[in-house]
N, C-alpha and C. Protein backbone atom coordinates (compact mmCIF):
# COMPACT_ATOMS: atom_id res chain seq x y z
N MET A 1 -126.71 190.42 -53.66
CA MET A 1 -126.80 189.44 -54.71
C MET A 1 -125.49 189.47 -55.55
N LYS A 2 -124.99 190.67 -55.87
CA LYS A 2 -123.78 190.75 -56.67
C LYS A 2 -122.57 190.17 -55.96
N LYS A 3 -122.49 190.39 -54.63
CA LYS A 3 -121.38 189.85 -53.90
C LYS A 3 -121.42 188.33 -53.91
N LYS A 4 -122.58 187.75 -53.78
CA LYS A 4 -122.67 186.27 -53.83
C LYS A 4 -122.25 185.74 -55.17
N ARG A 5 -122.69 186.42 -56.24
CA ARG A 5 -122.35 185.93 -57.57
C ARG A 5 -120.84 186.09 -57.81
N LYS A 6 -120.25 187.19 -57.37
CA LYS A 6 -118.83 187.40 -57.49
C LYS A 6 -118.07 186.35 -56.70
N LYS A 7 -118.57 186.01 -55.53
CA LYS A 7 -117.89 185.06 -54.66
C LYS A 7 -117.90 183.69 -55.34
N ARG A 8 -119.01 183.35 -55.97
CA ARG A 8 -119.12 182.03 -56.67
C ARG A 8 -118.13 181.96 -57.84
N LEU A 9 -117.97 183.06 -58.52
CA LEU A 9 -117.15 183.09 -59.74
C LEU A 9 -115.69 183.37 -59.45
N ALA A 10 -115.34 183.63 -58.21
CA ALA A 10 -113.97 183.94 -57.85
C ALA A 10 -113.07 182.74 -58.15
N VAL A 11 -111.88 183.07 -58.62
CA VAL A 11 -110.91 182.01 -58.98
C VAL A 11 -110.19 181.49 -57.76
N SER A 12 -109.74 182.36 -56.91
CA SER A 12 -108.95 181.94 -55.73
C SER A 12 -109.04 182.99 -54.64
N ARG A 13 -108.49 182.65 -53.49
CA ARG A 13 -108.42 183.61 -52.38
C ARG A 13 -107.33 184.60 -52.66
N GLU A 14 -107.46 185.75 -52.04
CA GLU A 14 -106.40 186.79 -52.17
C GLU A 14 -105.17 186.31 -51.46
N PHE A 15 -104.04 186.56 -51.97
CA PHE A 15 -102.76 186.14 -51.39
C PHE A 15 -101.87 187.37 -51.36
N LYS A 16 -101.25 187.61 -50.21
CA LYS A 16 -100.36 188.75 -50.03
C LYS A 16 -98.96 188.23 -49.75
N PRO A 17 -98.02 188.47 -50.62
CA PRO A 17 -96.67 187.98 -50.38
C PRO A 17 -95.99 188.66 -49.19
N ASP A 18 -95.35 187.90 -48.37
CA ASP A 18 -94.67 188.46 -47.21
C ASP A 18 -93.15 188.36 -47.30
N GLU A 19 -92.68 187.87 -48.42
CA GLU A 19 -91.25 187.83 -48.63
C GLU A 19 -90.96 188.05 -50.11
N ARG A 20 -89.69 188.20 -50.41
CA ARG A 20 -89.34 188.55 -51.79
C ARG A 20 -89.57 187.33 -52.71
N ILE A 21 -89.81 187.65 -53.99
CA ILE A 21 -90.02 186.63 -54.97
C ILE A 21 -88.66 186.10 -55.43
N ILE A 22 -88.56 184.78 -55.47
CA ILE A 22 -87.34 184.12 -55.97
C ILE A 22 -87.66 183.48 -57.28
N LEU A 23 -86.65 182.91 -57.89
CA LEU A 23 -86.82 182.30 -59.21
C LEU A 23 -87.91 181.25 -59.22
N ARG A 24 -87.99 180.44 -58.14
CA ARG A 24 -88.99 179.39 -58.11
C ARG A 24 -90.40 179.99 -58.15
N ASP A 25 -90.62 181.11 -57.48
CA ASP A 25 -91.93 181.76 -57.46
C ASP A 25 -92.21 182.36 -58.85
N GLN A 26 -91.21 182.89 -59.50
CA GLN A 26 -91.45 183.48 -60.82
C GLN A 26 -91.83 182.38 -61.84
N LEU A 27 -91.14 181.22 -61.73
CA LEU A 27 -91.50 180.12 -62.58
C LEU A 27 -92.86 179.59 -62.34
N ALA A 28 -93.28 179.58 -61.05
CA ALA A 28 -94.59 179.12 -60.69
C ALA A 28 -95.67 180.07 -61.28
N ILE A 29 -95.42 181.33 -61.24
CA ILE A 29 -96.35 182.31 -61.80
C ILE A 29 -96.41 182.11 -63.32
N GLU A 30 -95.30 181.87 -63.95
CA GLU A 30 -95.29 181.69 -65.40
C GLU A 30 -96.06 180.38 -65.76
N ARG A 31 -95.85 179.31 -64.99
CA ARG A 31 -96.58 178.06 -65.26
C ARG A 31 -98.10 178.32 -65.09
N THR A 32 -98.48 179.10 -64.10
CA THR A 32 -99.89 179.42 -63.90
C THR A 32 -100.45 180.22 -65.06
N ARG A 33 -99.68 181.17 -65.55
CA ARG A 33 -100.13 181.93 -66.73
C ARG A 33 -100.35 181.00 -67.93
N LEU A 34 -99.41 180.13 -68.14
CA LEU A 34 -99.52 179.20 -69.29
C LEU A 34 -100.74 178.28 -69.12
N ALA A 35 -100.94 177.82 -67.91
CA ALA A 35 -102.11 176.95 -67.62
C ALA A 35 -103.41 177.74 -67.86
N ASN A 36 -103.39 179.02 -67.50
CA ASN A 36 -104.55 179.89 -67.73
C ASN A 36 -104.86 179.99 -69.23
N GLU A 37 -103.83 180.14 -70.01
CA GLU A 37 -104.01 180.22 -71.48
C GLU A 37 -104.53 178.94 -72.05
N ARG A 38 -104.00 177.80 -71.56
CA ARG A 38 -104.50 176.53 -72.02
C ARG A 38 -105.97 176.31 -71.65
N THR A 39 -106.35 176.73 -70.48
CA THR A 39 -107.75 176.62 -70.07
C THR A 39 -108.64 177.50 -70.97
N LEU A 40 -108.18 178.70 -71.28
CA LEU A 40 -108.96 179.54 -72.19
C LEU A 40 -109.12 178.84 -73.59
N LEU A 41 -108.06 178.27 -74.06
CA LEU A 41 -108.13 177.57 -75.36
C LEU A 41 -109.09 176.40 -75.27
N SER A 42 -109.15 175.70 -74.13
CA SER A 42 -110.09 174.59 -73.94
C SER A 42 -111.53 175.08 -73.96
N TYR A 43 -111.78 176.21 -73.32
CA TYR A 43 -113.13 176.78 -73.37
C TYR A 43 -113.51 177.16 -74.80
N ILE A 44 -112.57 177.74 -75.55
CA ILE A 44 -112.84 178.11 -76.95
C ILE A 44 -113.09 176.88 -77.77
N ARG A 45 -112.30 175.81 -77.57
CA ARG A 45 -112.47 174.55 -78.33
C ARG A 45 -113.83 173.95 -78.02
N SER A 46 -114.22 173.91 -76.75
CA SER A 46 -115.52 173.37 -76.39
C SER A 46 -116.66 174.18 -77.02
N SER A 47 -116.46 175.48 -76.99
CA SER A 47 -117.47 176.39 -77.60
C SER A 47 -117.62 176.14 -79.08
N LEU A 48 -116.50 175.96 -79.76
CA LEU A 48 -116.56 175.71 -81.18
C LEU A 48 -117.17 174.33 -81.51
N TYR A 49 -116.89 173.33 -80.68
CA TYR A 49 -117.54 172.02 -80.87
C TYR A 49 -119.05 172.13 -80.75
N LEU A 50 -119.50 172.87 -79.73
CA LEU A 50 -120.95 173.05 -79.58
C LEU A 50 -121.51 173.83 -80.75
N LEU A 51 -120.80 174.78 -81.24
CA LEU A 51 -121.26 175.55 -82.39
C LEU A 51 -121.39 174.67 -83.63
N ILE A 52 -120.42 173.85 -83.88
CA ILE A 52 -120.44 172.95 -85.05
C ILE A 52 -121.60 171.95 -84.89
N GLY A 53 -121.77 171.44 -83.67
CA GLY A 53 -122.86 170.52 -83.39
C GLY A 53 -124.20 171.17 -83.62
N ALA A 54 -124.32 172.44 -83.24
CA ALA A 54 -125.60 173.19 -83.45
C ALA A 54 -125.88 173.32 -84.93
N PHE A 55 -124.85 173.68 -85.71
CA PHE A 55 -125.05 173.82 -87.17
C PHE A 55 -125.44 172.45 -87.79
N ALA A 56 -124.84 171.41 -87.31
CA ALA A 56 -125.18 170.07 -87.80
C ALA A 56 -126.65 169.72 -87.46
N LEU A 57 -127.08 170.05 -86.27
CA LEU A 57 -128.46 169.77 -85.88
C LEU A 57 -129.44 170.60 -86.69
N PHE A 58 -129.06 171.83 -87.07
CA PHE A 58 -129.96 172.64 -87.87
C PHE A 58 -130.10 172.04 -89.28
N GLN A 59 -129.17 171.28 -89.74
CA GLN A 59 -129.20 170.65 -91.05
C GLN A 59 -130.11 169.44 -91.19
N ILE A 60 -130.43 168.87 -90.06
CA ILE A 60 -131.29 167.64 -90.04
C ILE A 60 -132.73 168.08 -90.26
N LYS A 61 -133.31 167.73 -91.40
CA LYS A 61 -134.63 168.16 -91.78
C LYS A 61 -135.69 167.13 -91.33
N GLU A 62 -135.30 165.88 -91.13
CA GLU A 62 -136.29 164.83 -90.80
C GLU A 62 -136.88 164.98 -89.42
N TYR A 63 -136.13 165.58 -88.51
CA TYR A 63 -136.54 165.72 -87.11
C TYR A 63 -136.62 167.18 -86.73
N PRO A 64 -137.80 167.78 -86.83
CA PRO A 64 -137.91 169.23 -86.60
C PRO A 64 -137.70 169.59 -85.12
N ASN A 65 -137.86 168.61 -84.21
CA ASN A 65 -137.66 168.93 -82.79
C ASN A 65 -136.17 169.12 -82.43
N PHE A 66 -135.30 168.75 -83.34
CA PHE A 66 -133.83 168.93 -83.10
C PHE A 66 -133.46 170.42 -83.15
N LYS A 67 -134.34 171.24 -83.70
CA LYS A 67 -134.00 172.66 -83.74
C LYS A 67 -133.95 173.25 -82.36
N TYR A 68 -134.73 172.73 -81.44
CA TYR A 68 -134.62 173.24 -80.04
C TYR A 68 -133.26 172.85 -79.47
N LEU A 69 -132.86 171.68 -79.73
CA LEU A 69 -131.53 171.19 -79.26
C LEU A 69 -130.41 172.05 -79.92
N ALA A 70 -130.61 172.37 -81.20
CA ALA A 70 -129.61 173.19 -81.87
C ALA A 70 -129.51 174.60 -81.25
N VAL A 71 -130.65 175.16 -80.95
CA VAL A 71 -130.67 176.48 -80.32
C VAL A 71 -130.00 176.44 -78.91
N ALA A 72 -130.33 175.40 -78.16
CA ALA A 72 -129.68 175.19 -76.86
C ALA A 72 -128.16 175.07 -77.01
N ALA A 73 -127.71 174.34 -78.01
CA ALA A 73 -126.28 174.20 -78.24
C ALA A 73 -125.63 175.52 -78.59
N LEU A 74 -126.35 176.35 -79.39
CA LEU A 74 -125.85 177.68 -79.70
C LEU A 74 -125.70 178.54 -78.46
N VAL A 75 -126.75 178.49 -77.64
CA VAL A 75 -126.72 179.26 -76.41
C VAL A 75 -125.57 178.86 -75.51
N PHE A 76 -125.41 177.53 -75.32
CA PHE A 76 -124.33 177.06 -74.43
C PHE A 76 -122.98 177.34 -75.04
N SER A 77 -122.90 177.36 -76.36
CA SER A 77 -121.62 177.71 -77.00
C SER A 77 -121.20 179.14 -76.67
N VAL A 78 -122.13 180.07 -76.72
CA VAL A 78 -121.85 181.47 -76.39
C VAL A 78 -121.55 181.59 -74.88
N VAL A 79 -122.31 180.88 -74.04
CA VAL A 79 -122.10 180.92 -72.63
C VAL A 79 -120.70 180.41 -72.27
N PHE A 80 -120.31 179.30 -72.83
CA PHE A 80 -118.96 178.72 -72.59
C PHE A 80 -117.90 179.72 -72.97
N LEU A 81 -118.08 180.36 -74.09
CA LEU A 81 -117.06 181.30 -74.58
C LEU A 81 -116.91 182.47 -73.63
N PHE A 82 -118.06 183.03 -73.18
CA PHE A 82 -117.98 184.17 -72.23
C PHE A 82 -117.42 183.76 -70.86
N ILE A 83 -117.80 182.58 -70.36
CA ILE A 83 -117.25 182.14 -69.12
C ILE A 83 -115.79 181.94 -69.19
N GLY A 84 -115.27 181.39 -70.28
CA GLY A 84 -113.85 181.18 -70.48
C GLY A 84 -113.09 182.48 -70.52
N ILE A 85 -113.59 183.46 -71.25
CA ILE A 85 -112.93 184.76 -71.37
C ILE A 85 -112.94 185.44 -70.04
N TYR A 86 -114.06 185.40 -69.32
CA TYR A 86 -114.19 186.05 -68.02
C TYR A 86 -113.19 185.47 -67.02
N ARG A 87 -113.13 184.13 -66.94
CA ARG A 87 -112.24 183.49 -66.01
C ARG A 87 -110.74 183.76 -66.36
N PHE A 88 -110.48 183.81 -67.68
CA PHE A 88 -109.10 184.11 -68.11
C PHE A 88 -108.66 185.47 -67.60
N TYR A 89 -109.50 186.49 -67.87
CA TYR A 89 -109.13 187.84 -67.45
C TYR A 89 -109.13 188.03 -65.92
N LEU A 90 -109.97 187.28 -65.26
CA LEU A 90 -110.01 187.35 -63.79
C LEU A 90 -108.71 186.84 -63.20
N LEU A 91 -108.26 185.66 -63.68
CA LEU A 91 -107.00 185.11 -63.15
C LEU A 91 -105.81 185.93 -63.63
N LYS A 92 -105.85 186.43 -64.84
CA LYS A 92 -104.76 187.24 -65.35
C LYS A 92 -104.58 188.50 -64.51
N ARG A 93 -105.67 189.14 -64.12
CA ARG A 93 -105.61 190.33 -63.33
C ARG A 93 -105.08 190.01 -61.93
N SER A 94 -105.55 188.85 -61.39
CA SER A 94 -105.11 188.41 -60.07
C SER A 94 -103.60 188.16 -60.07
N LEU A 95 -103.11 187.48 -61.04
CA LEU A 95 -101.67 187.22 -61.15
C LEU A 95 -100.82 188.48 -61.28
N LYS A 96 -101.34 189.41 -62.10
CA LYS A 96 -100.64 190.64 -62.28
C LYS A 96 -100.57 191.43 -60.96
N ARG A 97 -101.66 191.46 -60.22
CA ARG A 97 -101.68 192.13 -58.96
C ARG A 97 -100.74 191.47 -57.98
N LEU A 98 -100.72 190.17 -57.93
CA LEU A 98 -99.84 189.41 -57.04
C LEU A 98 -98.38 189.70 -57.39
N PHE A 99 -98.02 189.70 -58.64
CA PHE A 99 -96.65 189.94 -59.06
C PHE A 99 -96.21 191.34 -58.72
N TYR A 100 -97.10 192.33 -58.93
CA TYR A 100 -96.73 193.72 -58.63
C TYR A 100 -96.60 193.91 -57.12
N MET A 101 -97.49 193.31 -56.35
CA MET A 101 -97.37 193.42 -54.89
C MET A 101 -96.06 192.83 -54.43
N ALA A 102 -95.65 191.71 -54.99
CA ALA A 102 -94.38 191.10 -54.61
C ALA A 102 -93.20 191.96 -55.01
N GLU A 103 -93.30 192.61 -56.17
CA GLU A 103 -92.21 193.47 -56.61
C GLU A 103 -92.08 194.69 -55.68
N LYS A 104 -93.24 195.21 -55.23
CA LYS A 104 -93.19 196.33 -54.30
C LYS A 104 -92.63 195.91 -52.98
N HIS A 105 -92.92 194.70 -52.58
CA HIS A 105 -92.38 194.18 -51.29
C HIS A 105 -90.86 194.04 -51.47
N ASP A 106 -90.38 193.62 -52.63
CA ASP A 106 -88.92 193.52 -52.87
C ASP A 106 -88.28 194.90 -52.78
N ASP A 107 -88.92 195.91 -53.37
CA ASP A 107 -88.35 197.27 -53.38
C ASP A 107 -88.26 197.82 -51.97
N ILE A 108 -89.26 197.53 -51.12
CA ILE A 108 -89.28 198.09 -49.79
C ILE A 108 -88.18 197.46 -48.95
N ASN A 109 -87.97 196.14 -49.12
CA ASN A 109 -86.99 195.42 -48.33
C ASN A 109 -85.57 195.60 -48.85
N SER A 110 -85.39 196.13 -50.02
CA SER A 110 -84.03 196.28 -50.58
C SER A 110 -83.30 197.39 -49.95
C-alpha cells in the first residue's frame, strides 16, 4: 500500500546523468528550482484563500448549514498546504540528488 501511495505522489522518474553538466544544464536546474518555489507559493496562496473563505463562511449567521462548508474549507486549506510543502521538498531533494550525481560523474571523468 505504501509503495502505491509513494508512486502516485512521485514527482518524476529517476534520472541518472551519463555525461558532465554544462552551463545549459545548470541553468535548467536553476529554472526548475525557481519553478518549484513558485509552485509552493501557489499552494500557500490557495491555502490562504480557502482559509479566508472559511472564516467568512463562519461569520454568516443566517445560514447555519454553511458551517459545514466552512469546516470543509478549513480542512482543504490544511491539506493543500501540506501537499504543497511535501511536493516542494520531494522535488528539492530529487534535484539535489541529481546535481550531486552529476558532480560526481564530472569528478570521475576529469
